[in-house]
Amino acid sequence: MDKQTFLSELKILKEIAEILNHGTDLKMMLNDALAKLLQVTGLGTGWIFFIDKNGNYELLASNHLPPALLNEEFKPMCTGDCWCVDKFIGGRLQKASNIMECKRLEDSILQNWGETWDLTHHATVPLFAGEEQFGLLNVASPHKTHFEQEELDLLSSVALQIGTAIKRILLTQKEQEIKLIEERNRLAKDLHDSVSQLLFSVSLSAKAGMTMSKEVAIKDTFSQIHEIAQNAQAEMKALIWQLHPKGLENGILSALKNYGEMIGLTVQIECNGISSLPSTIEEALWRIGQEAFNNCKKHSNQQNVILQLTIKDNNVKMVIIDYGTGFNSSVKKELPSLGLKNMKERTEKVSGTFSIKSKIGKGTKIEVKIPL
């Protein structure tokens, strides 16, 4: 490598490093870094796949994709299998691959999805940090069917930078989650030590006033104050549980059973499989189950709930069943309440699937399935 080429590559790495070091939003950072890479190298097209340990992939970044790959809102890039992803999942892609025919482009031609700009092949590079792999960086140019070793070395260096930046952002997100949990715990303690105690004092004072007063009107007033204070205490207790669920350290089933009993439900637990769940998934299941129990308490007109948790084939499935009032559910209809919509959104946020079945007089069944 001559001095001019070395300085040129050093400049490229420096410019991309500046983008990666200052980025805080994962998708935005990857798109900006990919755009800069294509700009300074003169390569035409690029995209980045994020691939989880179960082999599920997501298109996190892309730049200057041909119309064929943009068909139906990136459908060719977000569905189906391809050779580079298959090799990555199978552990056969450990370094930059000189050239690889693109199955997505080939399928685009066969299906007549649109113009491909004469792209047929791409270089592919795994993204990693240490022993942890995150996905693939793919780049291509019209009529280009071969990448020189120097080009692959440069792409490998960029991929290493990207992998390190991804790791940094994921660690930052984890730290933020921990800080959020700590803040919830602090707020729960403050509410318990201050507001809950004040409400308890109001309730006791009102009860004493009922006992000491002889006039009916005054007794009734104290009675109303006592009832309001007790209702507020119950609401505050539920809020504190939402912020800091008791028993979660003993597992999601223990926490949900305790919460259900706290709001007056009888919870029957059925468990298949044992596993330590990631904190994000445990948090999601806790919030979803909590919302489901609240709905049952408010709308089912009965107190019995079945809670099933199954861990199998790298998935966790939670099912909550009641045999109460129920409602007419249909896949064609929009979810009838904000609570159900929140449950669905929380499930999808952790890449899970949410379903609900209900009939009037037959009860309701909620099923959540999340990949581990």
Protein backbone atom coordinates (compact mmCIF):
# COMPACT_ATOMS: atom_id res chain seq x y z
CA MET A 1 0.00 0.00 0.00
CA ASP A 2 1.44 3.37 -1.02
CA LYS A 3 1.50 6.40 1.23
CA GLN A 4 -1.33 8.18 -0.60
CA THR A 5 -3.66 5.16 -0.30
CA PHE A 6 -2.77 4.77 3.36
CA LEU A 7 -3.56 8.41 4.11
CA SER A 8 -6.80 8.17 2.14
CA GLU A 9 -7.97 5.13 4.11
CA LEU A 10 -6.92 6.75 7.38
CA LYS A 11 -9.05 9.78 6.50
CA ILE A 12 -12.03 7.54 5.71
CA LEU A 13 -11.72 5.73 9.04
CA LYS A 14 -11.38 9.03 10.90
CA GLU A 15 -14.50 10.53 9.31
CA ILE A 16 -16.58 7.43 10.01
CA ALA A 17 -15.22 7.19 13.58
CA GLU A 18 -16.36 10.76 14.27
CA ILE A 19 -19.91 9.83 13.25
CA LEU A 20 -19.91 6.62 15.28
CA ASN A 21 -18.36 8.17 18.40
CA HIS A 22 -20.96 10.93 18.62
CA GLY A 23 -24.05 8.90 17.69
CA THR A 24 -26.65 8.07 20.35
CA ASP A 25 -29.54 6.86 18.18
CA LEU A 26 -28.64 3.45 16.72
CA LYS A 27 -30.53 3.64 13.42
CA MET A 28 -29.60 7.25 12.73
CA MET A 29 -25.94 6.59 13.56
CA LEU A 30 -25.74 3.54 11.27
CA ASN A 31 -27.46 5.32 8.38
CA ASP A 32 -25.11 8.31 8.71
CA ALA A 33 -22.02 6.08 8.91
CA LEU A 34 -23.16 4.02 5.91
CA ALA A 35 -23.81 7.14 3.85
CA LYS A 36 -20.34 8.49 4.68
CA LEU A 37 -18.71 5.14 3.80
CA LEU A 38 -20.36 5.06 0.38
CA GLN A 39 -19.56 8.72 -0.23
CA VAL A 40 -15.85 8.53 0.52
CA THR A 41 -15.27 5.15 -1.15
CA GLY A 42 -17.36 5.75 -4.24
CA LEU A 43 -19.32 2.54 -3.70
CA GLY A 44 -22.87 2.76 -4.92
CA THR A 45 -25.16 0.93 -2.52
CA GLY A 46 -25.08 -0.39 1.04
CA TRP A 47 -27.24 -1.84 3.77
CA ILE A 48 -26.86 -3.17 7.31
CA PHE A 49 -28.72 -6.12 8.82
CA PHE A 50 -29.06 -6.50 12.59
CA ILE A 51 -29.33 -10.24 13.40
CA ASP A 52 -30.30 -11.62 16.82
CA LYS A 53 -29.19 -14.92 18.32
CA ASN A 54 -32.36 -16.63 17.07
CA GLY A 55 -31.59 -15.72 13.48
CA ASN A 56 -34.21 -12.98 13.18
CA TYR A 57 -32.90 -10.10 11.10
CA GLU A 58 -33.87 -6.45 10.73
CA LEU A 59 -32.83 -3.87 8.14
CA LEU A 60 -31.34 -1.15 10.37
CA ALA A 61 -29.71 1.01 7.70
CA SER A 62 -29.66 1.39 3.93
CA ASN A 63 -28.41 3.86 1.36
CA HIS A 64 -29.14 4.22 -2.35
CA LEU A 65 -30.96 0.91 -2.75
CA PRO A 66 -32.26 0.22 -6.28
CA PRO A 67 -36.04 0.45 -6.88
CA ALA A 68 -36.35 -3.35 -7.00
CA LEU A 69 -35.30 -3.61 -3.35
CA LEU A 70 -37.56 -0.73 -2.30
CA ASN A 71 -40.64 -2.50 -3.65
CA GLU A 72 -43.62 -2.54 -1.23
CA GLU A 73 -41.83 -0.55 1.48
CA PHE A 74 -38.56 -2.54 1.52
CA LYS A 75 -40.38 -5.90 1.45
CA PRO A 76 -37.58 -7.67 -0.52
CA MET A 77 -35.11 -6.54 2.21
CA CYS A 78 -37.27 -7.44 5.21
CA THR A 79 -38.68 -10.87 4.30
CA GLY A 80 -37.37 -14.16 3.00
CA ASP A 81 -33.95 -15.72 3.34
CA CYS A 82 -30.64 -14.91 1.65
CA TRP A 83 -27.19 -16.45 1.37
CA CYS A 84 -25.28 -13.93 3.44
CA VAL A 85 -27.69 -14.10 6.39
CA ASP A 86 -27.79 -17.91 6.19
CA LYS A 87 -23.98 -18.09 6.28
CA PHE A 88 -23.84 -15.67 9.21
CA ILE A 89 -26.41 -17.66 11.22
CA GLY A 90 -24.65 -20.92 10.36
CA GLY A 91 -21.32 -19.57 11.64
CA ARG A 92 -19.72 -19.76 8.18
CA LEU A 93 -19.14 -16.03 7.84
CA GLN A 94 -16.34 -14.92 10.17
CA LYS A 95 -14.61 -12.29 8.02
CA ALA A 96 -15.15 -10.07 5.00
CA SER A 97 -16.30 -12.16 2.05
CA ASN A 98 -14.70 -11.17 -1.25
CA ILE A 99 -17.91 -11.35 -3.26
CA MET A 100 -21.31 -12.91 -2.97
CA GLU A 101 -24.14 -13.12 -5.45
CA CYS A 102 -27.19 -11.44 -3.97
CA LYS A 103 -30.25 -13.68 -3.75
CA ARG A 104 -32.49 -10.68 -3.09
CA LEU A 105 -31.35 -9.04 -6.32
CA GLU A 106 -31.69 -12.33 -8.16
CA ASP A 107 -35.23 -12.77 -6.84
CA SER A 108 -36.01 -9.16 -7.81
CA ILE A 109 -35.09 -9.92 -11.41
CA LEU A 110 -37.05 -13.19 -11.46
CA GLN A 111 -40.11 -11.54 -9.91
CA ASN A 112 -39.77 -8.43 -12.08
CA TRP A 113 -39.87 -6.17 -9.01
CA GLY A 114 -38.16 -3.26 -10.74
CA GLU A 115 -34.85 -1.75 -11.80
CA THR A 116 -31.74 -3.23 -10.14
CA TRP A 117 -29.20 -0.73 -11.57
CA ASP A 118 -27.11 -3.68 -12.83
CA LEU A 119 -26.27 -4.71 -9.26
CA THR A 120 -25.71 -8.45 -9.01
CA HIS A 121 -23.10 -9.03 -6.27
CA HIS A 122 -22.08 -7.52 -2.97
CA ALA A 123 -19.28 -7.74 -0.45
CA THR A 124 -20.43 -8.75 3.01
CA VAL A 125 -18.70 -8.15 6.35
CA PRO A 126 -19.80 -9.37 9.81
CA LEU A 127 -20.23 -6.72 12.48
CA PHE A 128 -18.77 -7.69 15.85
CA ALA A 129 -17.19 -6.43 19.05
CA GLY A 130 -14.99 -8.96 20.81
CA GLU A 131 -16.82 -12.30 20.74
CA GLU A 132 -20.23 -10.68 20.23
CA GLN A 133 -21.65 -10.47 16.69
CA PHE A 134 -24.45 -8.09 15.71
CA GLY A 135 -25.13 -8.46 12.00
CA LEU A 136 -23.82 -7.71 8.52
CA LEU A 137 -22.54 -4.79 6.48
CA ASN A 138 -23.18 -5.26 2.74
CA VAL A 139 -21.92 -2.97 -0.05
CA ALA A 140 -22.29 -3.14 -3.82
CA SER A 141 -21.72 -1.16 -7.02
CA PRO A 142 -23.08 -1.52 -10.57
CA HIS A 143 -21.14 -4.06 -12.68
CA LYS A 144 -18.74 -4.70 -9.78
CA THR A 145 -18.07 -8.42 -9.43
CA HIS A 146 -14.85 -8.35 -7.46
CA PHE A 147 -13.46 -6.52 -4.43
CA GLU A 148 -9.72 -6.22 -4.00
CA GLN A 149 -8.14 -7.33 -0.74
CA GLU A 150 -7.34 -3.72 0.19
CA GLU A 151 -11.03 -2.86 -0.21
CA LEU A 152 -12.03 -5.78 1.99
CA ASP A 153 -9.47 -4.76 4.62
CA LEU A 154 -10.93 -1.26 4.68
CA LEU A 155 -14.49 -2.63 4.98
CA SER A 156 -13.35 -4.91 7.81
CA SER A 157 -11.89 -1.93 9.68
CA VAL A 158 -15.12 0.03 9.22
CA ALA A 159 -17.17 -2.98 10.32
CA LEU A 160 -15.08 -3.26 13.48
CA GLN A 161 -15.75 0.40 14.23
CA ILE A 162 -19.47 -0.08 13.64
CA GLY A 163 -19.58 -3.18 15.86
CA THR A 164 -17.85 -1.33 18.68
CA ALA A 165 -20.28 1.60 18.31
CA ILE A 166 -23.28 -0.76 18.41
CA LYS A 167 -21.92 -2.33 21.60
CA ARG A 168 -21.45 1.13 23.14
CA ILE A 169 -25.04 2.16 22.40
CA LEU A 170 -26.49 -1.14 23.67
CA LEU A 171 -24.52 -0.76 26.91
CA THR A 172 -25.74 2.84 27.22
CA GLN A 173 -29.34 1.70 26.75
CA LYS A 174 -28.82 -0.96 29.42
CA GLU A 175 -27.41 1.66 31.79
CA GLN A 176 -30.41 3.90 31.14
CA GLU A 177 -32.77 1.02 31.90
CA ILE A 178 -30.99 0.43 35.22
CA LYS A 179 -31.20 4.14 36.07
CA LEU A 180 -34.92 4.14 35.22
CA ILE A 181 -35.52 1.18 37.54
CA GLU A 182 -33.55 2.91 40.31
CA GLU A 183 -35.60 6.10 39.85
CA ARG A 184 -38.85 4.12 39.99
CA ASN A 185 -37.71 2.46 43.20
CA ARG A 186 -36.83 5.84 44.71
CA LEU A 187 -40.18 7.34 43.72
CA ALA A 188 -42.05 4.32 45.08
CA LYS A 189 -40.24 4.67 48.42
CA ASP A 190 -40.99 8.41 48.57
CA LEU A 191 -44.69 7.82 47.84
CA HIS A 192 -44.85 5.09 50.49
CA ASP A 193 -43.06 7.15 53.12
CA SER A 194 -44.98 10.38 52.51
CA VAL A 195 -48.29 10.26 50.62
CA SER A 196 -49.32 6.78 51.78
CA GLN A 197 -48.66 7.67 55.41
CA LEU A 198 -50.62 10.91 55.09
CA LEU A 199 -53.59 9.05 53.59
CA PHE A 200 -53.39 6.51 56.42
CA SER A 201 -53.48 9.35 58.95
CA VAL A 202 -56.50 10.92 57.22
CA SER A 203 -58.28 7.57 57.27
CA LEU A 204 -57.62 7.08 61.00
CA SER A 205 -58.69 10.64 61.83
CA ALA A 206 -61.91 10.24 59.86
CA LYS A 207 -62.65 6.94 61.59
CA ALA A 208 -62.07 8.60 64.97
CA GLY A 209 -64.37 11.46 63.97
CA MET A 210 -67.11 8.97 63.08
CA THR A 211 -66.82 7.41 66.54
CA MET A 212 -66.72 10.66 68.49
CA SER A 213 -69.39 12.59 66.60
CA LYS A 214 -73.04 12.37 67.69
CA GLU A 215 -74.70 14.34 64.88
CA VAL A 216 -75.71 12.19 61.92
CA ALA A 217 -74.64 14.76 59.31
CA ILE A 218 -71.15 15.02 60.81
CA LYS A 219 -70.87 11.22 61.07
CA ASP A 220 -71.83 10.94 57.40
CA THR A 221 -69.21 13.52 56.45
CA PHE A 222 -66.47 11.69 58.34
CA SER A 223 -67.66 8.42 56.81
CA GLN A 224 -67.30 9.86 53.31
CA ILE A 225 -63.82 11.18 54.14
CA HIS A 226 -62.86 7.76 55.51
CA GLU A 227 -64.11 6.00 52.37
CA ILE A 228 -62.32 8.45 50.06
CA ALA A 229 -59.07 8.08 52.04
CA GLN A 230 -59.27 4.28 51.89
CA ASN A 231 -59.91 4.35 48.12
CA ALA A 232 -56.98 6.71 47.68
CA GLN A 233 -54.82 4.38 49.79
CA ALA A 234 -55.75 1.46 47.53
CA GLU A 235 -54.95 3.49 44.41
CA MET A 236 -51.64 4.61 45.89
CA LYS A 237 -50.74 1.05 46.84
CA ALA A 238 -51.42 -0.09 43.27
CA LEU A 239 -49.33 2.79 41.90
CA ILE A 240 -46.42 1.90 44.18
CA TRP A 241 -46.67 -1.71 43.00
CA GLN A 242 -46.50 -0.52 39.39
CA LEU A 243 -43.35 1.45 40.14
CA HIS A 244 -41.71 -1.20 42.32
CA PRO A 245 -43.31 -4.65 41.99
CA LYS A 246 -42.86 -6.72 45.14
CA GLY A 247 -41.64 -10.23 44.48
CA LEU A 248 -40.14 -9.55 41.04
CA GLU A 249 -36.78 -10.56 42.44
CA ASN A 250 -38.34 -14.01 42.93
CA GLY A 251 -39.56 -14.19 39.34
CA ILE A 252 -42.30 -12.79 37.14
CA LEU A 253 -44.88 -15.38 38.29
CA SER A 254 -44.41 -14.49 41.95
CA ALA A 255 -44.71 -10.76 41.23
CA LEU A 256 -47.88 -11.13 39.13
CA LYS A 257 -49.51 -13.52 41.61
CA ASN A 258 -48.82 -11.08 44.45
CA TYR A 259 -50.17 -8.16 42.41
CA GLY A 260 -53.31 -10.07 41.44
CA GLU A 261 -54.03 -10.99 45.04
CA MET A 262 -53.35 -7.43 46.14
CA ILE A 263 -56.16 -6.12 43.87
CA GLY A 264 -58.55 -8.89 44.93
CA LEU A 265 -58.04 -11.64 42.33
CA THR A 266 -57.45 -15.34 42.85
CA VAL A 267 -54.56 -16.33 40.59
CA GLN A 268 -53.98 -19.92 39.50
CA ILE A 269 -50.42 -20.43 38.18
CA GLU A 270 -49.30 -22.97 35.59
CA CYS A 271 -45.60 -23.03 34.64
CA ASN A 272 -43.70 -25.08 32.04
CA GLY A 273 -39.94 -24.63 31.70
CA ILE A 274 -37.54 -22.73 33.91
CA SER A 275 -35.30 -19.91 32.78
CA SER A 276 -33.80 -16.64 33.94
CA LEU A 277 -35.47 -14.05 31.71
CA PRO A 278 -33.72 -10.91 30.40
CA SER A 279 -34.72 -7.81 32.36
CA THR A 280 -36.36 -6.14 29.34
CA ILE A 281 -38.59 -9.18 28.71
CA GLU A 282 -39.40 -9.61 32.39
CA GLU A 283 -40.34 -5.93 32.58
CA ALA A 284 -42.57 -6.26 29.50
CA LEU A 285 -44.33 -9.36 30.87
CA TRP A 286 -44.85 -7.63 34.21
CA ARG A 287 -46.47 -4.57 32.64
CA ILE A 288 -48.61 -6.65 30.26
CA GLY A 289 -49.76 -9.01 33.01
CA GLN A 290 -50.49 -6.11 35.32
CA GLU A 291 -52.66 -4.43 32.68
CA ALA A 292 -54.47 -7.71 32.00
CA PHE A 293 -55.20 -8.22 35.71
CA ASN A 294 -56.50 -4.65 35.99
CA ASN A 295 -58.86 -5.26 33.06
CA CYS A 296 -60.05 -8.49 34.65
CA LYS A 297 -60.73 -6.74 37.95
CA LYS A 298 -62.67 -3.92 36.27
CA HIS A 299 -64.58 -5.74 33.52
CA SER A 300 -64.85 -9.52 34.00
CA ASN A 301 -67.20 -9.44 37.02
CA GLN A 302 -65.39 -12.40 38.60
CA GLN A 303 -62.16 -12.91 40.56
CA ASN A 304 -60.55 -16.08 39.17
CA VAL A 305 -57.63 -15.79 36.75
CA ILE A 306 -55.38 -18.43 35.19
CA LEU A 307 -51.78 -17.38 34.53
CA GLN A 308 -49.70 -19.69 32.31
CA LEU A 309 -46.01 -19.23 31.54
CA THR A 310 -44.22 -21.53 29.09
CA ILE A 311 -40.55 -21.31 28.12
CA LYS A 312 -39.69 -23.47 25.13
CA ASP A 313 -37.69 -23.32 21.87
CA ASN A 314 -36.09 -19.94 22.70
CA ASN A 315 -39.50 -18.35 23.28
CA VAL A 316 -41.49 -17.36 26.35
CA LYS A 317 -45.27 -17.52 26.14
CA MET A 318 -47.58 -15.95 28.71
CA VAL A 319 -51.31 -16.72 28.66
CA ILE A 320 -53.88 -15.04 30.93
CA ILE A 321 -57.41 -16.47 31.02
CA ASP A 322 -60.59 -15.46 32.81
CA TYR A 323 -64.08 -16.91 32.41
CA GLY A 324 -65.92 -13.67 33.04
CA THR A 325 -68.13 -11.30 31.06
CA GLY A 326 -66.02 -11.24 27.89
CA PHE A 327 -66.70 -9.23 24.72
CA ASN A 328 -66.92 -9.74 20.97
CA SER A 329 -63.34 -9.87 19.68
CA SER A 330 -62.40 -10.02 16.01
CA VAL A 331 -59.07 -9.85 14.20
CA LYS A 332 -60.69 -7.37 11.82
CA LYS A 333 -61.72 -5.00 14.58
CA GLU A 334 -59.53 -2.49 16.36
CA LEU A 335 -58.67 -3.31 19.97
CA PRO A 336 -61.53 -1.91 22.08
CA SER A 337 -59.56 -0.31 24.92
CA LEU A 338 -56.42 1.69 25.56
CA GLY A 339 -55.22 -1.00 27.98
CA LEU A 340 -55.32 -3.70 25.29
CA LYS A 341 -53.54 -1.41 22.84
CA ASN A 342 -50.84 -0.75 25.43
CA MET A 343 -50.36 -4.50 25.94
CA LYS A 344 -50.00 -5.03 22.20
CA GLU A 345 -47.50 -2.16 21.87
CA ARG A 346 -45.41 -3.43 24.81
CA THR A 347 -45.32 -6.90 23.24
CA GLU A 348 -44.25 -5.64 19.83
CA LYS A 349 -41.59 -3.41 21.41
CA VAL A 350 -39.71 -6.58 22.44
CA SER A 351 -40.35 -8.24 19.02
CA GLY A 352 -43.21 -10.36 20.34
CA THR A 353 -46.71 -11.23 19.12
CA PHE A 354 -49.96 -10.39 20.92
CA SER A 355 -53.34 -12.04 20.44
CA ILE A 356 -56.68 -11.89 22.23
CA LYS A 357 -59.77 -14.08 22.05
CA SER A 358 -63.00 -13.23 23.80
CA LYS A 359 -66.72 -14.00 23.58
CA ILE A 360 -69.60 -12.50 25.53
CA GLY A 361 -70.29 -14.72 28.52
CA LYS A 362 -67.29 -16.97 27.73
CA GLY A 363 -64.44 -14.91 29.13
CA THR A 364 -61.19 -13.62 27.66
CA LYS A 365 -57.85 -15.17 26.74
CA ILE A 366 -54.73 -13.05 26.18
CA GLU A 367 -51.62 -14.65 24.71
CA VAL A 368 -48.17 -13.05 24.49
CA LYS A 369 -45.21 -14.75 22.78
CA ILE A 370 -41.73 -13.20 22.93
CA PRO A 371 -38.46 -14.56 21.49
CA LEU A 372 -35.59 -14.96 23.96
